[in-house]
């Protein structure tokens, strides 16, 4: 009873359009084919849409995609180069980012040590910087032999 009602129903434009699209993807049943034919007979816009879709399908089907020789090899080579560069940039990028911070903090420590030495000893002589300003010449061999 339901099948007889479907055969006697007039298809809507939307229903016929969906059947038209489906007809390009799969084989329609007899009932669907009959509804599509009825929709094509009833709607001029649907006939025009079918003609446009068939033209488009023909144009797309005629196109061929030809790549230049060794296309796949060139693409793979570029991918490998990008991967290698990203690994190199990872290490060098990290070093470039961290170096200024380390250099500034090291410079600050050196300046603080020099300032404290100047304040305590009152000069920047080599003996003062090495911390041997109060060592007598007689005691130098003791420090050299015993401490090393």
C-alpha atoms as a PDB file:
ATOM      1  CA  UNK A   1       0.000   0.000   0.000  1.00  0.00           C
ATOM      2  CA  UNK A   2       2.844   2.346   0.882  1.00  0.00           C
ATOM      3  CA  UNK A   3       4.625   1.622  -2.432  1.00  0.00           C
ATOM      4  CA  UNK A   4       1.475   2.428  -4.383  1.00  0.00           C
ATOM      5  CA  UNK A   5       1.171   5.734  -2.492  1.00  0.00           C
ATOM      6  CA  UNK A   6       4.819   6.580  -3.272  1.00  0.00           C
ATOM      7  CA  UNK A   7       4.291   5.855  -6.966  1.00  0.00           C
ATOM      8  CA  UNK A   8       1.181   8.047  -7.055  1.00  0.00           C
ATOM      9  CA  UNK A   9       2.814  10.932  -5.137  1.00  0.00           C
ATOM     10  CA  UNK A  10       4.202  13.854  -7.075  1.00  0.00           C
ATOM     11  CA  UNK A  11       7.827  14.517  -6.114  1.00  0.00           C
ATOM     12  CA  UNK A  12       8.794  17.876  -4.665  1.00  0.00           C
ATOM     13  CA  UNK A  13      11.613  19.824  -6.252  1.00  0.00           C
ATOM     14  CA  UNK A  14      13.872  19.164  -3.249  1.00  0.00           C
ATOM     15  CA  UNK A  15      13.123  15.433  -3.280  1.00  0.00           C
ATOM     16  CA  UNK A  16      13.722  15.184  -7.024  1.00  0.00           C
ATOM     17  CA  UNK A  17      16.948  17.212  -6.660  1.00  0.00           C
ATOM     18  CA  UNK A  18      18.247  14.823  -3.989  1.00  0.00           C
ATOM     19  CA  UNK A  19      17.414  11.881  -6.257  1.00  0.00           C
ATOM     20  CA  UNK A  20      19.233  13.602  -9.124  1.00  0.00           C
ATOM     21  CA  UNK A  21      22.365  13.969  -7.003  1.00  0.00           C
ATOM     22  CA  UNK A  22      22.051  10.387  -5.793  1.00  0.00           C
ATOM     23  CA  UNK A  23      21.749   9.156  -9.378  1.00  0.00           C
ATOM     24  CA  UNK A  24      25.311  10.317 -10.031  1.00  0.00           C
ATOM     25  CA  UNK A  25      26.617   8.339  -7.054  1.00  0.00           C
ATOM     26  CA  UNK A  26      24.630   5.121  -7.109  1.00  0.00           C
ATOM     27  CA  UNK A  27      22.053   3.155  -9.015  1.00  0.00           C
ATOM     28  CA  UNK A  28      18.511   4.223  -8.156  1.00  0.00           C
ATOM     29  CA  UNK A  29      15.715   1.791  -7.431  1.00  0.00           C
ATOM     30  CA  UNK A  30      12.807   1.575  -9.866  1.00  0.00           C
ATOM     31  CA  UNK A  31      10.624   3.728  -7.601  1.00  0.00           C
ATOM     32  CA  UNK A  32      13.362   6.341  -7.233  1.00  0.00           C
ATOM     33  CA  UNK A  33      13.979   6.366 -10.979  1.00  0.00           C
ATOM     34  CA  UNK A  34      10.265   6.874 -11.619  1.00  0.00           C
ATOM     35  CA  UNK A  35      10.153   9.752  -9.103  1.00  0.00           C
ATOM     36  CA  UNK A  36      13.231  11.352 -10.681  1.00  0.00           C
ATOM     37  CA  UNK A  37      11.730  11.071 -14.166  1.00  0.00           C
ATOM     38  CA  UNK A  38       8.505  12.619 -12.899  1.00  0.00           C
ATOM     39  CA  UNK A  39      10.462  15.436 -11.252  1.00  0.00           C
ATOM     40  CA  UNK A  40      12.431  16.072 -14.464  1.00  0.00           C
ATOM     41  CA  UNK A  41       9.152  16.215 -16.377  1.00  0.00           C
ATOM     42  CA  UNK A  42       7.578  18.612 -13.847  1.00  0.00           C
ATOM     43  CA  UNK A  43      10.467  21.008 -13.114  1.00  0.00           C
ATOM     44  CA  UNK A  44      12.346  22.855 -15.857  1.00  0.00           C
ATOM     45  CA  UNK A  45      14.933  24.070 -13.301  1.00  0.00           C
ATOM     46  CA  UNK A  46      15.705  20.456 -12.428  1.00  0.00           C
ATOM     47  CA  UNK A  47      16.295  19.625 -16.100  1.00  0.00           C
ATOM     48  CA  UNK A  48      18.644  22.601 -16.380  1.00  0.00           C
ATOM     49  CA  UNK A  49      20.454  21.544 -13.188  1.00  0.00           C
ATOM     50  CA  UNK A  50      20.854  18.004 -14.551  1.00  0.00           C
ATOM     51  CA  UNK A  51      22.338  19.365 -17.792  1.00  0.00           C
ATOM     52  CA  UNK A  52      24.744  21.591 -15.809  1.00  0.00           C
ATOM     53  CA  UNK A  53      25.818  18.719 -13.567  1.00  0.00           C
ATOM     54  CA  UNK A  54      26.403  16.445 -16.572  1.00  0.00           C
ATOM     55  CA  UNK A  55      28.539  19.150 -18.259  1.00  0.00           C
ATOM     56  CA  UNK A  56      30.515  19.654 -15.081  1.00  0.00           C
ATOM     57  CA  UNK A  57      31.019  15.930 -14.656  1.00  0.00           C
ATOM     58  CA  UNK A  58      32.244  15.642 -18.249  1.00  0.00           C
ATOM     59  CA  UNK A  59      34.669  18.550 -17.845  1.00  0.00           C
ATOM     60  CA  UNK A  60      36.095  17.167 -14.612  1.00  0.00           C
ATOM     61  CA  UNK A  61      36.392  13.709 -16.097  1.00  0.00           C
ATOM     62  CA  UNK A  62      38.341  15.015 -19.106  1.00  0.00           C
ATOM     63  CA  UNK A  63      40.990  16.727 -17.014  1.00  0.00           C
ATOM     64  CA  UNK A  64      44.262  14.945 -16.521  1.00  0.00           C
ATOM     65  CA  UNK A  65      46.822  15.910 -13.954  1.00  0.00           C
ATOM     66  CA  UNK A  66      50.390  15.511 -15.128  1.00  0.00           C
ATOM     67  CA  UNK A  67      53.250  16.329 -12.832  1.00  0.00           C
ATOM     68  CA  UNK A  68      56.766  17.160 -13.907  1.00  0.00           C
ATOM     69  CA  UNK A  69      59.290  14.319 -13.831  1.00  0.00           C
ATOM     70  CA  UNK A  70      60.584  13.354 -10.388  1.00  0.00           C
ATOM     71  CA  UNK A  71      57.845  15.349  -8.646  1.00  0.00           C
ATOM     72  CA  UNK A  72      57.507  12.874  -5.780  1.00  0.00           C
ATOM     73  CA  UNK A  73      61.262  12.834  -5.224  1.00  0.00           C
ATOM     74  CA  UNK A  74      61.434  16.625  -5.078  1.00  0.00           C
ATOM     75  CA  UNK A  75      58.571  16.788  -2.597  1.00  0.00           C
ATOM     76  CA  UNK A  76      60.134  14.146  -0.356  1.00  0.00           C
ATOM     77  CA  UNK A  77      63.504  15.931  -0.523  1.00  0.00           C
ATOM     78  CA  UNK A  78      61.899  19.200   0.591  1.00  0.00           C
ATOM     79  CA  UNK A  79      60.103  17.440   3.439  1.00  0.00           C
ATOM     80  CA  UNK A  80      63.369  15.883   4.635  1.00  0.00           C
ATOM     81  CA  UNK A  81      65.121  19.265   4.438  1.00  0.00           C
ATOM     82  CA  UNK A  82      62.359  20.934   6.443  1.00  0.00           C
ATOM     83  CA  UNK A  83      62.544  18.226   9.098  1.00  0.00           C
ATOM     84  CA  UNK A  84      66.330  18.581   9.310  1.00  0.00           C
ATOM     85  CA  UNK A  85      66.101  22.385   9.530  1.00  0.00           C
ATOM     86  CA  UNK A  86      63.494  22.182  12.272  1.00  0.00           C
ATOM     87  CA  UNK A  87      65.824  19.931  14.314  1.00  0.00           C
ATOM     88  CA  UNK A  88      68.748  22.315  13.790  1.00  0.00           C
ATOM     89  CA  UNK A  89      66.626  25.356  14.578  1.00  0.00           C
ATOM     90  CA  UNK A  90      65.456  23.671  17.762  1.00  0.00           C
ATOM     91  CA  UNK A  91      68.961  23.491  19.237  1.00  0.00           C
ATOM     92  CA  UNK A  92      70.323  26.715  17.796  1.00  0.00           C
ATOM     93  CA  UNK A  93      67.117  28.564  18.582  1.00  0.00           C
ATOM     94  CA  UNK A  94      67.341  27.411  22.187  1.00  0.00           C
ATOM     95  CA  UNK A  95      70.984  28.498  22.384  1.00  0.00           C
ATOM     96  CA  UNK A  96      70.239  31.890  20.841  1.00  0.00           C
ATOM     97  CA  UNK A  97      67.402  32.463  23.306  1.00  0.00           C
ATOM     98  CA  UNK A  98      69.359  31.366  26.394  1.00  0.00           C
ATOM     99  CA  UNK A  99      72.762  32.976  25.606  1.00  0.00           C
ATOM    100  CA  UNK A 100      71.841  36.621  26.345  1.00  0.00           C
ATOM    101  CA  UNK A 101      70.361  35.644  29.715  1.00  0.00           C
ATOM    102  CA  UNK A 102      73.465  33.676  30.715  1.00  0.00           C
ATOM    103  CA  UNK A 103      75.825  36.362  29.410  1.00  0.00           C
ATOM    104  CA  UNK A 104      74.052  39.168  31.287  1.00  0.00           C
ATOM    105  CA  UNK A 105      73.922  37.232  34.544  1.00  0.00           C
ATOM    106  CA  UNK A 106      77.617  36.246  34.201  1.00  0.00           C
ATOM    107  CA  UNK A 107      78.583  39.837  33.522  1.00  0.00           C
ATOM    108  CA  UNK A 108      76.601  40.960  36.574  1.00  0.00           C
ATOM    109  CA  UNK A 109      78.440  38.438  38.777  1.00  0.00           C
ATOM    110  CA  UNK A 110      81.843  39.592  37.461  1.00  0.00           C
ATOM    111  CA  UNK A 111      80.958  43.240  38.088  1.00  0.00           C
ATOM    112  CA  UNK A 112      79.772  42.457  41.635  1.00  0.00           C
ATOM    113  CA  UNK A 113      82.960  40.511  42.408  1.00  0.00           C
ATOM    114  CA  UNK A 114      85.164  43.293  41.066  1.00  0.00           C
ATOM    115  CA  UNK A 115      83.216  45.933  43.010  1.00  0.00           C
ATOM    116  CA  UNK A 116      83.470  43.951  46.245  1.00  0.00           C
ATOM    117  CA  UNK A 117      87.209  43.405  45.693  1.00  0.00           C
ATOM    118  CA  UNK A 118      87.727  47.129  45.110  1.00  0.00           C
ATOM    119  CA  UNK A 119      85.733  48.027  48.208  1.00  0.00           C
ATOM    120  CA  UNK A 120      87.597  45.555  50.426  1.00  0.00           C
ATOM    121  CA  UNK A 121      91.133  46.000  49.065  1.00  0.00           C
ATOM    122  CA  UNK A 122      90.966  49.513  47.658  1.00  0.00           C
ATOM    123  CA  UNK A 123      92.590  48.711  44.275  1.00  0.00           C
ATOM    124  CA  UNK A 124      92.389  46.566  41.139  1.00  0.00           C
ATOM    125  CA  UNK A 125      95.958  45.270  41.116  1.00  0.00           C
ATOM    126  CA  UNK A 126      96.649  41.772  39.816  1.00  0.00           C
ATOM    127  CA  UNK A 127      97.535  40.593  43.296  1.00  0.00           C
ATOM    128  CA  UNK A 128      94.261  41.892  44.627  1.00  0.00           C
ATOM    129  CA  UNK A 129      92.211  40.254  41.862  1.00  0.00           C
ATOM    130  CA  UNK A 130      94.008  36.922  42.393  1.00  0.00           C
ATOM    131  CA  UNK A 131      93.576  37.209  46.158  1.00  0.00           C
ATOM    132  CA  UNK A 132      97.270  37.063  46.996  1.00  0.00           C
ATOM    133  CA  UNK A 133      97.836  40.671  48.055  1.00  0.00           C
ATOM    134  CA  UNK A 134      98.707  39.741  51.643  1.00  0.00           C
ATOM    135  CA  UNK A 135     100.909  36.747  50.868  1.00  0.00           C
ATOM    136  CA  UNK A 136     104.556  37.285  51.639  1.00  0.00           C
ATOM    137  CA  UNK A 137     107.177  36.056  49.174  1.00  0.00           C
ATOM    138  CA  UNK A 138     108.444  33.564  51.749  1.00  0.00           C
ATOM    139  CA  UNK A 139     104.967  32.015  52.077  1.00  0.00           C
ATOM    140  CA  UNK A 140     104.339  31.737  48.322  1.00  0.00           C
ATOM    141  CA  UNK A 141     106.141  28.380  47.954  1.00  0.00           C
ATOM    142  CA  UNK A 142     104.092  27.001  50.853  1.00  0.00           C
ATOM    143  CA  UNK A 143     100.804  27.972  49.166  1.00  0.00           C
ATOM    144  CA  UNK A 144     101.938  26.616  45.833  1.00  0.00           C
ATOM    145  CA  UNK A 145     103.204  23.274  47.175  1.00  0.00           C
ATOM    146  CA  UNK A 146     100.637  22.563  49.894  1.00  0.00           C
ATOM    147  CA  UNK A 147      97.469  23.703  48.190  1.00  0.00           C
ATOM    148  CA  UNK A 148      97.994  21.834  44.942  1.00  0.00           C
END
